[in-house]
Amino acid sequence: MRYSIAGMSGTAVEWGLFFLLNQLLKIYYPIAAIIALLFSTLVNWCVGRMILFKASGNNKREILLVYLACFSGLFLNLIIMWLLINKFSIGEMLAKMMASVIVFGWNYLFRTRIIYRHHP
């Protein structure tokens, strides 16, 4: 449940920033998705550290692994978005939301199995 709260804070930032960049400023969706995800990952990491995960003891390693999860999740996110937009004609904002929900599970597993496996 606490992971969901931390995730929702990052997701709210990601979706809000994506909407602003893509829908309002008309920035091409992959670029908007990358910018939004990079910023929201930092927010998610901060909130997660406050309410969910204890520090691993090595902040540099921890943030590096968090961004590694971010980039692998970003790769999945962009592939899913591309499929939904180009093959199924789903709007960019809805495709972003659907991709985020799918990638949520990947991020959870990466964090619990790799980043914080000894620090619940």
Protein backbone atom coordinates (compact mmCIF):
# COMPACT_ATOMS: atom_id res chain seq x y z
CA MET A 1 0.00 0.00 0.00
CA ARG A 2 2.81 2.42 0.89
CA TYR A 3 4.52 1.58 -2.41
CA SER A 4 1.31 2.55 -4.17
CA ILE A 5 1.25 5.90 -2.37
CA ALA A 6 4.88 6.59 -3.30
CA GLY A 7 4.18 5.43 -6.84
CA MET A 8 1.08 7.59 -7.14
CA SER A 9 3.05 10.69 -6.19
CA GLY A 10 5.59 10.00 -8.92
CA THR A 11 2.85 9.05 -11.36
CA ALA A 12 0.91 12.25 -10.69
CA VAL A 13 4.03 14.29 -11.40
CA GLU A 14 4.82 12.21 -14.50
CA TRP A 15 1.32 12.40 -15.99
CA GLY A 16 0.95 16.08 -15.14
CA LEU A 17 4.29 17.00 -16.69
CA PHE A 18 3.64 14.77 -19.71
CA PHE A 19 0.26 16.47 -20.22
CA LEU A 20 1.84 19.91 -19.97
CA LEU A 21 4.68 19.09 -22.36
CA ASN A 22 2.80 16.95 -24.88
CA GLN A 23 -0.76 18.23 -24.89
CA LEU A 24 -0.25 21.91 -24.08
CA LEU A 25 3.24 22.65 -25.42
CA LYS A 26 2.92 20.12 -28.28
CA ILE A 27 6.27 18.42 -27.62
CA TYR A 28 6.61 15.08 -29.44
CA TYR A 29 5.43 12.31 -27.10
CA PRO A 30 8.72 10.34 -26.72
CA ILE A 31 10.60 13.49 -25.70
CA ALA A 32 7.80 14.56 -23.35
CA ALA A 33 7.74 11.05 -21.84
CA ILE A 34 11.50 11.05 -21.23
CA ILE A 35 11.50 14.47 -19.55
CA ALA A 36 8.46 13.63 -17.43
CA LEU A 37 9.89 10.28 -16.34
CA LEU A 38 13.29 11.68 -15.39
CA PHE A 39 11.71 14.33 -13.18
CA SER A 40 9.06 12.06 -11.67
CA THR A 41 11.68 9.42 -10.83
CA LEU A 42 13.45 11.89 -8.58
CA VAL A 43 10.15 12.77 -6.89
CA ASN A 44 9.29 9.07 -6.51
CA TRP A 45 12.71 8.29 -5.02
CA CYS A 46 12.40 11.10 -2.47
CA VAL A 47 8.86 10.15 -1.43
CA GLY A 48 9.77 6.45 -1.35
CA ARG A 49 12.71 7.15 0.95
CA MET A 50 10.48 9.18 3.26
CA ILE A 51 7.60 6.71 3.66
CA LEU A 52 8.67 3.31 2.36
CA PHE A 53 12.28 2.28 2.01
CA LYS A 54 15.10 2.70 4.46
CA ALA A 55 18.31 4.10 3.05
CA SER A 56 20.54 1.44 1.57
CA GLY A 57 23.60 3.09 3.09
CA ASN A 58 25.04 4.11 -0.27
CA ASN A 59 23.10 7.01 -1.77
CA LYS A 60 25.14 7.13 -4.99
CA ARG A 61 24.60 3.42 -5.67
CA GLU A 62 20.95 3.70 -4.68
CA ILE A 63 20.12 6.63 -6.98
CA LEU A 64 22.12 5.01 -9.79
CA LEU A 65 20.03 1.84 -9.46
CA VAL A 66 16.81 3.85 -9.23
CA TYR A 67 17.65 5.58 -12.50
CA LEU A 68 18.69 2.24 -14.02
CA ALA A 69 15.20 0.98 -13.20
CA CYS A 70 13.85 4.25 -14.59
CA PHE A 71 15.64 3.82 -17.92
CA SER A 72 14.66 0.19 -18.32
CA GLY A 73 11.09 1.14 -17.42
CA LEU A 74 11.31 4.05 -19.87
CA PHE A 75 12.31 1.65 -22.64
CA LEU A 76 9.25 -0.52 -21.89
CA ASN A 77 7.07 2.56 -21.54
CA LEU A 78 8.06 3.95 -24.95
CA ILE A 79 7.57 0.60 -26.68
CA ILE A 80 4.11 0.20 -25.16
CA MET A 81 3.20 3.79 -26.02
CA TRP A 82 4.40 3.35 -29.60
CA LEU A 83 2.31 0.19 -30.00
CA LEU A 84 -0.80 1.76 -28.49
CA ILE A 85 -0.50 4.99 -30.49
CA ASN A 86 0.67 3.64 -33.85
CA LYS A 87 -0.95 0.21 -33.99
CA PHE A 88 -4.14 0.75 -32.00
CA SER A 89 -4.75 4.49 -32.64
CA ILE A 90 -5.02 5.31 -28.94
CA GLY A 91 -4.44 8.95 -27.97
CA GLU A 92 -1.05 9.90 -26.58
CA MET A 93 -2.22 10.80 -23.06
CA LEU A 94 -4.27 7.62 -22.68
CA ALA A 95 -1.39 5.57 -24.09
CA LYS A 96 0.95 7.18 -21.53
CA MET A 97 -1.40 6.31 -18.71
CA MET A 98 -1.85 2.72 -19.88
CA ALA A 99 1.90 2.23 -20.33
CA SER A 100 2.57 3.62 -16.85
CA VAL A 101 0.18 1.13 -15.27
CA ILE A 102 1.88 -1.76 -17.06
CA VAL A 103 5.40 -0.60 -16.19
CA PHE A 104 4.42 -0.05 -12.52
CA GLY A 105 4.86 -3.78 -11.83
CA TRP A 106 8.31 -3.81 -13.41
CA ASN A 107 9.44 -0.89 -11.25
CA TYR A 108 8.12 -2.52 -8.09
CA LEU A 109 9.95 -5.78 -8.78
CA PHE A 110 13.20 -4.00 -9.67
CA ARG A 111 13.16 -1.96 -6.48
CA THR A 112 12.17 -4.77 -4.12
CA ARG A 113 14.42 -7.43 -5.69
CA ILE A 114 17.51 -5.38 -6.54
CA ILE A 115 17.71 -1.93 -4.97
CA TYR A 116 16.19 -2.53 -1.53
CA ARG A 117 16.33 -6.31 -1.21
CA HIS A 118 18.12 -6.09 2.17
CA HIS A 119 16.34 -2.93 3.29
CA PRO A 120 12.56 -3.39 3.43
